[in-house]
C-alpha atoms as a PDB file:
ATOM      1  CA  MET A   1       9.002  32.398  -9.347  1.00  0.00           C
ATOM      2  CA  ALA A   2       7.948  34.527  -6.883  1.00  0.00           C
ATOM      3  CA  GLY A   3       6.159  36.726  -9.475  1.00  0.00           C
ATOM      4  CA  TYR A   4       5.034  34.162 -10.667  1.00  0.00           C
ATOM      5  CA  LEU A   5       3.438  32.890  -8.122  1.00  0.00           C
ATOM      6  CA  GLN A   6       2.368  36.494  -6.475  1.00  0.00           C
ATOM      7  CA  HIS A   7       0.780  37.587 -10.084  1.00  0.00           C
ATOM      8  CA  PHE A   8      -1.823  34.579  -9.237  1.00  0.00           C
ATOM      9  CA  GLY A   9      -2.302  34.705  -5.723  1.00  0.00           C
ATOM     10  CA  LEU A  10      -0.729  31.428  -4.891  1.00  0.00           C
ATOM     11  CA  VAL A  11       1.025  30.018  -2.414  1.00  0.00           C
ATOM     12  CA  LEU A  12       2.923  26.868  -3.572  1.00  0.00           C
ATOM     13  CA  ALA A  13       4.261  26.222  -7.073  1.00  0.00           C
ATOM     14  CA  PRO A  14       0.972  23.998  -8.082  1.00  0.00           C
ATOM     15  CA  PHE A  15       2.198  22.051 -10.997  1.00  0.00           C
ATOM     16  CA  SER A  16       5.805  20.342  -9.593  1.00  0.00           C
ATOM     17  CA  THR A  17       6.799  17.420 -11.049  1.00  0.00           C
ATOM     18  CA  ALA A  18       8.417  16.394  -7.350  1.00  0.00           C
ATOM     19  CA  PRO A  19       6.379  13.441  -5.608  1.00  0.00           C
ATOM     20  CA  ASP A  20       5.403  16.422  -3.027  1.00  0.00           C
ATOM     21  CA  PRO A  21       2.455  14.355  -0.713  1.00  0.00           C
ATOM     22  CA  ARG A  22       1.166  17.299  -0.565  1.00  0.00           C
ATOM     23  CA  PHE A  23      -0.530  17.483  -3.936  1.00  0.00           C
ATOM     24  CA  ALA A  24      -1.183  13.970  -4.284  1.00  0.00           C
ATOM     25  CA  PHE A  25      -4.480  13.418  -5.436  1.00  0.00           C
ATOM     26  CA  ALA A  26      -5.971   9.652  -5.496  1.00  0.00           C
ATOM     27  CA  THR A  27      -7.822   8.656  -8.094  1.00  0.00           C
ATOM     28  CA  ARG A  28     -10.151   5.187  -7.652  1.00  0.00           C
ATOM     29  CA  ALA A  29      -7.646   3.392  -9.754  1.00  0.00           C
ATOM     30  CA  HIS A  30      -4.636   5.208  -7.357  1.00  0.00           C
ATOM     31  CA  GLU A  31      -6.275   4.242  -4.551  1.00  0.00           C
ATOM     32  CA  ILE A  32      -6.587   0.242  -5.565  1.00  0.00           C
ATOM     33  CA  ALA A  33      -2.985   0.567  -6.420  1.00  0.00           C
ATOM     34  CA  LEU A  34      -2.004   1.539  -3.725  1.00  0.00           C
ATOM     35  CA  LEU A  35      -4.368  -0.415  -0.971  1.00  0.00           C
ATOM     36  CA  ARG A  36      -2.938  -3.176  -3.390  1.00  0.00           C
ATOM     37  CA  ILE A  37       0.925  -2.499  -2.296  1.00  0.00           C
ATOM     38  CA  GLN A  38      -0.194  -1.945   1.731  1.00  0.00           C
ATOM     39  CA  ASP A  39      -1.885  -5.471   1.889  1.00  0.00           C
ATOM     40  CA  SER A  40       0.584  -7.187   0.190  1.00  0.00           C
ATOM     41  CA  VAL A  41       3.039  -5.849   2.478  1.00  0.00           C
ATOM     42  CA  GLU A  42       1.240  -6.239   5.365  1.00  0.00           C
ATOM     43  CA  GLN A  43       0.341  -9.980   4.478  1.00  0.00           C
ATOM     44  CA  ARG A  44       3.978 -10.471   4.530  1.00  0.00           C
ATOM     45  CA  MET A  45       3.256 -11.608   1.059  1.00  0.00           C
ATOM     46  CA  GLY A  46       6.527 -10.837  -0.146  1.00  0.00           C
ATOM     47  CA  VAL A  47       6.607  -9.142  -3.498  1.00  0.00           C
ATOM     48  CA  CYS A  48       4.630  -6.655  -5.145  1.00  0.00           C
ATOM     49  CA  LEU A  49       4.799  -5.183  -8.778  1.00  0.00           C
ATOM     50  CA  LEU A  50       3.103  -1.661  -9.607  1.00  0.00           C
ATOM     51  CA  LYS A  51       3.364  -0.681 -13.607  1.00  0.00           C
ATOM     52  CA  GLY A  52       2.407   2.050 -15.239  1.00  0.00           C
ATOM     53  CA  GLU A  53       3.758   4.276 -18.463  1.00  0.00           C
ATOM     54  CA  ILE A  54       6.241   7.343 -17.183  1.00  0.00           C
ATOM     55  CA  GLY A  55       4.430   9.789 -15.429  1.00  0.00           C
ATOM     56  CA  THR A  56       1.292   8.211 -14.494  1.00  0.00           C
ATOM     57  CA  GLY A  57       2.085   8.414 -10.496  1.00  0.00           C
ATOM     58  CA  LYS A  58       3.834   5.278  -9.582  1.00  0.00           C
ATOM     59  CA  SER A  59       6.998   7.555  -7.549  1.00  0.00           C
ATOM     60  CA  THR A  60       3.554   9.400  -6.193  1.00  0.00           C
ATOM     61  CA  ILE A  61       2.510   6.225  -4.734  1.00  0.00           C
ATOM     62  CA  ALA A  62       6.401   4.925  -3.656  1.00  0.00           C
ATOM     63  CA  HIS A  63       6.513   8.263  -1.123  1.00  0.00           C
ATOM     64  CA  LEU A  64       2.829   7.883   0.056  1.00  0.00           C
ATOM     65  CA  LEU A  65       3.650   4.502   1.300  1.00  0.00           C
ATOM     66  CA  LEU A  66       7.404   6.016   2.946  1.00  0.00           C
ATOM     67  CA  LYS A  67       5.469   8.491   4.450  1.00  0.00           C
ATOM     68  CA  SER A  68       2.845   6.253   5.946  1.00  0.00           C
ATOM     69  CA  TRP A  69       5.249   3.470   7.272  1.00  0.00           C
ATOM     70  CA  ALA A  70       7.761   5.869   8.075  1.00  0.00           C
ATOM     71  CA  GLN A  71       5.665   6.961  10.892  1.00  0.00           C
ATOM     72  CA  GLU A  72       5.374   3.537  12.233  1.00  0.00           C
ATOM     73  CA  PRO A  73       8.478   2.962  12.953  1.00  0.00           C
ATOM     74  CA  GLU A  74       7.500   0.075  15.794  1.00  0.00           C
ATOM     75  CA  ARG A  75       6.027  -1.735  12.806  1.00  0.00           C
ATOM     76  CA  PHE A  76       7.415  -0.987   9.718  1.00  0.00           C
ATOM     77  CA  VAL A  77      11.146  -0.735   8.913  1.00  0.00           C
ATOM     78  CA  VAL A  78      11.699   0.356   5.440  1.00  0.00           C
ATOM     79  CA  ALA A  79      14.173   1.350   2.742  1.00  0.00           C
ATOM     80  CA  TYR A  80      14.009   3.628  -0.079  1.00  0.00           C
ATOM     81  CA  LEU A  81      15.767   3.050  -3.916  1.00  0.00           C
ATOM     82  CA  SER A  82      15.266   5.235  -5.865  1.00  0.00           C
ATOM     83  CA  ASP A  83      18.443   4.207  -8.803  1.00  0.00           C
ATOM     84  CA  PRO A  84      17.855   0.397  -8.168  1.00  0.00           C
ATOM     85  CA  SER A  85      20.244   0.474 -11.320  1.00  0.00           C
ATOM     86  CA  PRO A  86      23.502  -0.119  -9.927  1.00  0.00           C
ATOM     87  CA  TYR A  87      25.152  -3.414 -12.324  1.00  0.00           C
ATOM     88  CA  THR A  88      26.895  -6.098 -10.003  1.00  0.00           C
ATOM     89  CA  PRO A  89      24.805  -7.601  -6.758  1.00  0.00           C
ATOM     90  CA  ALA A  90      27.950  -5.985  -5.143  1.00  0.00           C
ATOM     91  CA  GLN A  91      26.741  -3.022  -5.484  1.00  0.00           C
ATOM     92  CA  PHE A  92      23.069  -3.242  -5.474  1.00  0.00           C
ATOM     93  CA  LEU A  93      23.196  -5.128  -1.935  1.00  0.00           C
ATOM     94  CA  ARG A  94      25.815  -1.770  -0.487  1.00  0.00           C
ATOM     95  CA  LEU A  95      22.984   0.518  -1.678  1.00  0.00           C
ATOM     96  CA  LEU A  96      20.505  -1.603  -0.044  1.00  0.00           C
ATOM     97  CA  VAL A  97      21.939  -2.484   3.343  1.00  0.00           C
ATOM     98  CA  ALA A  98      22.625   1.305   3.705  1.00  0.00           C
ATOM     99  CA  SER A  99      19.200   2.422   2.627  1.00  0.00           C
ATOM    100  CA  PHE A 100      18.411  -0.258   5.921  1.00  0.00           C
ATOM    101  CA  GLY A 101      20.206   1.976   7.973  1.00  0.00           C
ATOM    102  CA  LEU A 102      23.466  -1.042   8.008  1.00  0.00           C
ATOM    103  CA  ASP A 103      26.710   0.013   7.828  1.00  0.00           C
ATOM    104  CA  PRO A 104      27.664  -2.106   4.371  1.00  0.00           C
ATOM    105  CA  SER A 105      30.975  -3.978   3.453  1.00  0.00           C
ATOM    106  CA  ARG A 106      32.990  -3.899   0.639  1.00  0.00           C
ATOM    107  CA  TYR A 107      32.510  -7.565   0.026  1.00  0.00           C
ATOM    108  CA  VAL A 108      29.644  -8.937  -1.664  1.00  0.00           C
ATOM    109  CA  GLU A 109      29.213 -12.302   0.702  1.00  0.00           C
ATOM    110  CA  THR A 110      29.352  -9.771   4.034  1.00  0.00           C
ATOM    111  CA  ASN A 111      26.362  -7.732   2.629  1.00  0.00           C
ATOM    112  CA  LYS A 112      24.881 -11.173   2.112  1.00  0.00           C
ATOM    113  CA  ALA A 113      25.281 -12.322   5.531  1.00  0.00           C
ATOM    114  CA  LEU A 114      24.212  -9.050   6.921  1.00  0.00           C
ATOM    115  CA  LEU A 115      20.693  -9.449   5.762  1.00  0.00           C
ATOM    116  CA  PRO A 116      19.390 -12.898   7.547  1.00  0.00           C
ATOM    117  CA  GLY A 117      19.759 -11.510  11.130  1.00  0.00           C
ATOM    118  CA  PHE A 118      18.789  -8.506  10.095  1.00  0.00           C
ATOM    119  CA  LEU A 119      15.459  -9.895   8.689  1.00  0.00           C
ATOM    120  CA  ILE A 120      14.674 -12.390  11.807  1.00  0.00           C
ATOM    121  CA  ASP A 121      15.522  -9.143  14.500  1.00  0.00           C
ATOM    122  CA  HIS A 122      12.822  -7.359  13.543  1.00  0.00           C
ATOM    123  CA  TYR A 123      10.615 -10.198  12.808  1.00  0.00           C
ATOM    124  CA  GLU A 124      10.619 -11.130  16.429  1.00  0.00           C
ATOM    125  CA  ALA A 125      10.131  -7.804  17.130  1.00  0.00           C
ATOM    126  CA  GLY A 126       6.928  -7.814  15.184  1.00  0.00           C
ATOM    127  CA  ARG A 127       8.565  -5.155  12.651  1.00  0.00           C
ATOM    128  CA  VAL A 128       7.988  -6.039   8.940  1.00  0.00           C
ATOM    129  CA  VAL A 129      10.716  -4.847   6.718  1.00  0.00           C
ATOM    130  CA  VAL A 130      10.302  -3.512   2.964  1.00  0.00           C
ATOM    131  CA  ALA A 131      12.418  -2.463   0.270  1.00  0.00           C
ATOM    132  CA  LEU A 132      10.655   0.069  -2.427  1.00  0.00           C
ATOM    133  CA  LEU A 133      12.412  -0.050  -5.610  1.00  0.00           C
ATOM    134  CA  ASP A 134      11.642   2.705  -7.678  1.00  0.00           C
ATOM    135  CA  GLU A 135      12.577   2.489 -11.542  1.00  0.00           C
ATOM    136  CA  ALA A 136      12.818  -1.363 -11.076  1.00  0.00           C
ATOM    137  CA  GLN A 137      12.989  -1.674 -14.908  1.00  0.00           C
ATOM    138  CA  THR A 138      16.803  -0.091 -14.685  1.00  0.00           C
ATOM    139  CA  ILE A 139      17.498  -3.150 -12.441  1.00  0.00           C
ATOM    140  CA  SER A 140      20.540  -4.611 -14.217  1.00  0.00           C
ATOM    141  CA  PRO A 141      20.000  -8.336 -15.672  1.00  0.00           C
ATOM    142  CA  PRO A 142      22.549  -9.730 -12.867  1.00  0.00           C
ATOM    143  CA  ASN A 143      20.455  -8.123 -10.018  1.00  0.00           C
ATOM    144  CA  MET A 144      16.563  -9.333 -11.328  1.00  0.00           C
ATOM    145  CA  THR A 145      18.516 -12.778  -9.754  1.00  0.00           C
ATOM    146  CA  THR A 146      19.581 -11.152  -6.595  1.00  0.00           C
ATOM    147  CA  LEU A 147      16.073  -9.838  -6.042  1.00  0.00           C
ATOM    148  CA  GLN A 148      14.703 -13.569  -6.780  1.00  0.00           C
ATOM    149  CA  LEU A 149      17.691 -14.604  -3.805  1.00  0.00           C
ATOM    150  CA  LEU A 150      15.948 -11.443  -2.011  1.00  0.00           C
ATOM    151  CA  SER A 151      13.069 -12.696  -2.429  1.00  0.00           C
ATOM    152  CA  ASN A 152      13.940 -16.812  -0.871  1.00  0.00           C
ATOM    153  CA  GLU A 153      14.703 -14.846   2.673  1.00  0.00           C
ATOM    154  CA  GLN A 154      11.746 -16.598   4.797  1.00  0.00           C
ATOM    155  CA  THR A 155      10.610 -18.705   7.922  1.00  0.00           C
ATOM    156  CA  ALA A 156       8.306 -21.793   7.696  1.00  0.00           C
ATOM    157  CA  GLU A 157       5.607 -19.285   7.454  1.00  0.00           C
ATOM    158  CA  THR A 158       6.184 -16.127   6.543  1.00  0.00           C
ATOM    159  CA  LYS A 159       8.430 -14.200   4.002  1.00  0.00           C
ATOM    160  CA  LEU A 160      11.023 -12.118   5.594  1.00  0.00           C
ATOM    161  CA  LEU A 161      11.779  -9.354   2.675  1.00  0.00           C
ATOM    162  CA  GLN A 162       8.686  -7.486   1.106  1.00  0.00           C
ATOM    163  CA  LEU A 163       9.601  -5.976  -1.899  1.00  0.00           C
ATOM    164  CA  ALA A 164       7.520  -3.217  -3.220  1.00  0.00           C
ATOM    165  CA  LEU A 165       8.339  -3.030  -7.171  1.00  0.00           C
ATOM    166  CA  PHE A 166       7.525  -0.193  -9.048  1.00  0.00           C
ATOM    167  CA  ALA A 167       8.331  -0.441 -13.089  1.00  0.00           C
ATOM    168  CA  GLN A 168       7.534   1.324 -16.237  1.00  0.00           C
ATOM    169  CA  PRO A 169       6.010  -1.717 -18.495  1.00  0.00           C
ATOM    170  CA  SER A 170       9.092  -2.667 -20.042  1.00  0.00           C
ATOM    171  CA  PHE A 171       9.962  -4.453 -16.748  1.00  0.00           C
ATOM    172  CA  ASP A 172       7.345  -7.347 -18.181  1.00  0.00           C
ATOM    173  CA  ARG A 173      10.505  -8.204 -20.570  1.00  0.00           C
ATOM    174  CA  LYS A 174      13.201  -8.593 -17.900  1.00  0.00           C
ATOM    175  CA  LEU A 175      10.323 -10.498 -15.883  1.00  0.00           C
ATOM    176  CA  SER A 176      10.159 -12.840 -18.774  1.00  0.00           C
ATOM    177  CA  TYR A 177      13.869 -13.551 -18.472  1.00  0.00           C
ATOM    178  CA  GLN A 178      13.537 -14.212 -14.465  1.00  0.00           C
ATOM    179  CA  PRO A 179      10.442 -16.713 -14.531  1.00  0.00           C
ATOM    180  CA  ALA A 180      11.483 -17.719 -10.845  1.00  0.00           C
ATOM    181  CA  LEU A 181      11.339 -13.724 -10.156  1.00  0.00           C
ATOM    182  CA  ARG A 182       8.003 -13.276 -11.983  1.00  0.00           C
ATOM    183  CA  SER A 183       6.483 -16.578 -10.307  1.00  0.00           C
ATOM    184  CA  ARG A 184       7.271 -14.559  -6.630  1.00  0.00           C
ATOM    185  CA  ILE A 185       4.692 -11.691  -7.832  1.00  0.00           C
ATOM    186  CA  ALA A 186       1.296 -11.977  -5.041  1.00  0.00           C
ATOM    187  CA  ARG A 187       0.040  -8.850  -6.159  1.00  0.00           C
ATOM    188  CA  ARG A 188       0.325  -6.770  -9.142  1.00  0.00           C
ATOM    189  CA  GLY A 189      -1.121  -3.132  -9.991  1.00  0.00           C
ATOM    190  CA  ASN A 190      -1.333  -1.265 -13.511  1.00  0.00           C
ATOM    191  CA  LEU A 191      -1.869   2.586 -13.640  1.00  0.00           C
ATOM    192  CA  ASP A 192      -3.625   3.725 -16.389  1.00  0.00           C
ATOM    193  CA  PRO A 193      -3.434   7.247 -17.733  1.00  0.00           C
ATOM    194  CA  LEU A 194      -6.187   9.316 -16.377  1.00  0.00           C
ATOM    195  CA  ILE A 195      -9.673   9.737 -17.652  1.00  0.00           C
ATOM    196  CA  PHE A 196     -10.984  13.299 -18.033  1.00  0.00           C
ATOM    197  CA  THR A 197     -13.078  13.892 -15.355  1.00  0.00           C
ATOM    198  CA  ASP A 198     -10.137  13.071 -12.978  1.00  0.00           C
ATOM    199  CA  SER A 199      -8.034  14.881 -15.304  1.00  0.00           C
ATOM    200  CA  VAL A 200      -9.783  18.264 -14.446  1.00  0.00           C
ATOM    201  CA  ALA A 201     -10.430  16.984 -10.267  1.00  0.00           C
ATOM    202  CA  LEU A 202      -6.651  16.372  -9.913  1.00  0.00           C
ATOM    203  CA  MET A 203      -5.802  19.877 -11.833  1.00  0.00           C
ATOM    204  CA  ARG A 204      -8.296  21.468  -9.275  1.00  0.00           C
ATOM    205  CA  HIS A 205      -6.876  19.513  -6.511  1.00  0.00           C
ATOM    206  CA  ARG A 206      -3.465  20.433  -6.983  1.00  0.00           C
ATOM    207  CA  LEU A 207      -4.415  24.917  -7.172  1.00  0.00           C
ATOM    208  CA  ARG A 208      -6.200  24.172  -4.265  1.00  0.00           C
ATOM    209  CA  VAL A 209      -3.826  23.221  -2.300  1.00  0.00           C
ATOM    210  CA  ALA A 210      -1.912  25.772  -3.777  1.00  0.00           C
ATOM    211  CA  GLY A 211      -4.072  28.351  -2.968  1.00  0.00           C
ATOM    212  CA  GLY A 212      -5.384  28.948  -6.605  1.00  0.00           C
ATOM    213  CA  ASP A 213      -8.876  28.628  -7.809  1.00  0.00           C
ATOM    214  CA  PHE A 214      -8.571  26.097 -11.110  1.00  0.00           C
ATOM    215  CA  ALA A 215     -12.166  27.520 -12.759  1.00  0.00           C
ATOM    216  CA  ARG A 216     -10.620  30.424 -12.397  1.00  0.00           C
ATOM    217  CA  LEU A 217      -7.163  30.391 -13.530  1.00  0.00           C
ATOM    218  CA  PHE A 218      -8.321  27.782 -16.518  1.00  0.00           C
ATOM    219  CA  PRO A 219     -11.373  28.730 -17.958  1.00  0.00           C
ATOM    220  CA  GLU A 220     -13.674  25.671 -19.204  1.00  0.00           C
ATOM    221  CA  ALA A 221     -12.648  25.916 -23.037  1.00  0.00           C
ATOM    222  CA  LEU A 222      -9.514  24.543 -21.852  1.00  0.00           C
ATOM    223  CA  HIS A 223      -9.746  21.518 -20.450  1.00  0.00           C
ATOM    224  CA  ARG A 224     -10.686  19.292 -23.200  1.00  0.00           C
ATOM    225  CA  PRO A 225      -7.893  21.167 -25.223  1.00  0.00           C
ATOM    226  CA  LEU A 226      -5.186  20.180 -21.846  1.00  0.00           C
ATOM    227  CA  TYR A 227      -6.345  17.037 -21.271  1.00  0.00           C
ATOM    228  CA  ASN A 228      -5.703  15.822 -25.056  1.00  0.00           C
ATOM    229  CA  ALA A 229      -2.662  17.453 -25.233  1.00  0.00           C
ATOM    230  CA  SER A 230      -1.857  15.376 -21.921  1.00  0.00           C
ATOM    231  CA  GLN A 231      -3.353  12.495 -22.745  1.00  0.00           C
ATOM    232  CA  GLY A 232      -4.384  11.949 -19.325  1.00  0.00           C
ATOM    233  CA  ILE A 233      -0.827  11.752 -18.044  1.00  0.00           C
ATOM    234  CA  PRO A 234      -0.196  13.303 -14.802  1.00  0.00           C
ATOM    235  CA  ARG A 235       3.079  14.751 -15.137  1.00  0.00           C
ATOM    236  CA  ARG A 236       1.925  16.041 -18.821  1.00  0.00           C
ATOM    237  CA  LEU A 237      -0.687  17.408 -17.016  1.00  0.00           C
ATOM    238  CA  CYS A 238       1.393  19.192 -14.506  1.00  0.00           C
ATOM    239  CA  ILE A 239       3.908  20.439 -17.217  1.00  0.00           C
ATOM    240  CA  LEU A 240       1.036  21.536 -19.278  1.00  0.00           C
ATOM    241  CA  GLY A 241      -0.363  23.669 -16.664  1.00  0.00           C
ATOM    242  CA  ASP A 242       2.879  25.577 -15.196  1.00  0.00           C
ATOM    243  CA  ASN A 243       3.874  26.529 -18.501  1.00  0.00           C
ATOM    244  CA  THR A 244       0.270  27.511 -19.563  1.00  0.00           C
ATOM    245  CA  LEU A 245       0.729  29.511 -16.923  1.00  0.00           C
ATOM    246  CA  PHE A 246       3.809  31.175 -17.179  1.00  0.00           C
ATOM    247  CA  ASN A 247       2.608  32.309 -20.240  1.00  0.00           C
ATOM    248  CA  ALA A 248       0.111  33.682 -18.898  1.00  0.00           C
ATOM    249  CA  PHE A 249       2.014  35.577 -16.614  1.00  0.00           C
ATOM    250  CA  ALA A 250       4.403  36.510 -19.092  1.00  0.00           C
ATOM    251  CA  HIS A 251       1.459  38.351 -21.303  1.00  0.00           C
ATOM    252  CA  GLY A 252       0.316  40.005 -18.292  1.00  0.00           C
ATOM    253  CA  ARG A 253      -2.749  37.921 -18.127  1.00  0.00           C
ATOM    254  CA  PRO A 254      -5.297  36.850 -15.085  1.00  0.00           C
ATOM    255  CA  ALA A 255      -5.933  33.909 -15.697  1.00  0.00           C
ATOM    256  CA  ALA A 256      -4.544  31.246 -18.917  1.00  0.00           C
ATOM    257  CA  SER A 257      -6.335  31.559 -22.668  1.00  0.00           C
ATOM    258  CA  PRO A 258      -6.050  29.293 -25.633  1.00  0.00           C
ATOM    259  CA  GLU A 259      -2.564  31.309 -26.693  1.00  0.00           C
ATOM    260  CA  ASP A 260      -1.428  30.382 -23.633  1.00  0.00           C
ATOM    261  CA  LEU A 261      -2.038  26.568 -23.456  1.00  0.00           C
ATOM    262  CA  SER A 262      -1.390  26.677 -27.604  1.00  0.00           C
ATOM    263  CA  GLU A 263       1.962  28.202 -26.823  1.00  0.00           C
ATOM    264  CA  ALA A 264       2.744  25.913 -24.163  1.00  0.00           C
ATOM    265  CA  ILE A 265       1.698  22.424 -26.541  1.00  0.00           C
ATOM    266  CA  ARG A 266       4.077  23.591 -29.584  1.00  0.00           C
ATOM    267  CA  ASP A 267       6.842  24.623 -27.070  1.00  0.00           C
ATOM    268  CA  GLY A 268       6.854  20.769 -25.136  1.00  0.00           C
ATOM    269  CA  GLY A 269       6.240  18.916 -27.887  1.00  0.00           C
ATOM    270  CA  PHE A 270       2.499  18.137 -26.605  1.00  0.00           C
ATOM    271  CA  ASP A 271       0.938  18.914 -30.055  1.00  0.00           C
ATOM    272  CA  PRO A 272      -0.042  14.682 -31.235  1.00  0.00           C
ATOM    273  CA  ALA A 273       0.877  15.279 -34.269  1.00  0.00           C
ATOM    274  CA  GLN A 274       4.017  16.127 -33.870  1.00  0.00           C
ATOM    275  CA  GLU A 275       4.741  13.059 -31.868  1.00  0.00           C
ATOM    276  CA  LYS A 276       3.467  11.305 -34.254  1.00  0.00           C
ATOM    277  CA  ALA A 277       5.994  12.686 -37.563  1.00  0.00           C
ATOM    278  CA  HIS A 278       8.866  12.009 -34.125  1.00  0.00           C
ATOM    279  CA  ALA A 279       7.809   8.828 -33.619  1.00  0.00           C
END
């Protein structure tokens, strides 16, 4: 990797798919999604939902929110669940309780009993308690009911626990079996694939943060083919960008060529014709 970065004069790997806030690039759609969740949580509206296909940036938004709220401990108490898939309510509640820094019990009733006092204490101290649940489509059917019960924690005036759910579109099917939970979702948003100009702007931004020059490393002739192959999905853009640059590095080129991109598309299975053949 050091050779790859040094070859192109980069100080960071520009196309890492980890949700690194340094590389966050907010399109207008991403900004609206971020504001929608912020407003829902800060108004204590209860449950909000952000949906999007794999790789559209849901986890990046979750981490931006986590970082922002964690910097204000006098106002927010935040738990982040990257994997909310434990099957039983007992397992799920242990995970949630531990994520809030509490000492979880083996017993589900004990964990249930911990939360109301915890929520009331922070409410009386003026703090908002929020749980960010990434990959919410993996939540088990029993724990969809658990979420609905958690959303009932409230005073006469306000919701005590804010639930921000980040999910793939398949989550809608699970919600169809949980009308009580579905009816409690106060705010909804959706992340669609990027348009062409936003895709180019995202890659330009990431290379600038990494110390590189997008125009130099990715000639204009590559922009449209790169977008078409990625279908405007940020994670695919990053994977293709990384593999295209690696191919250029492997061939000793100073910048990416059409051949480097074609090789990345072929080897990564990003050719639309190949994808349709395997669908």
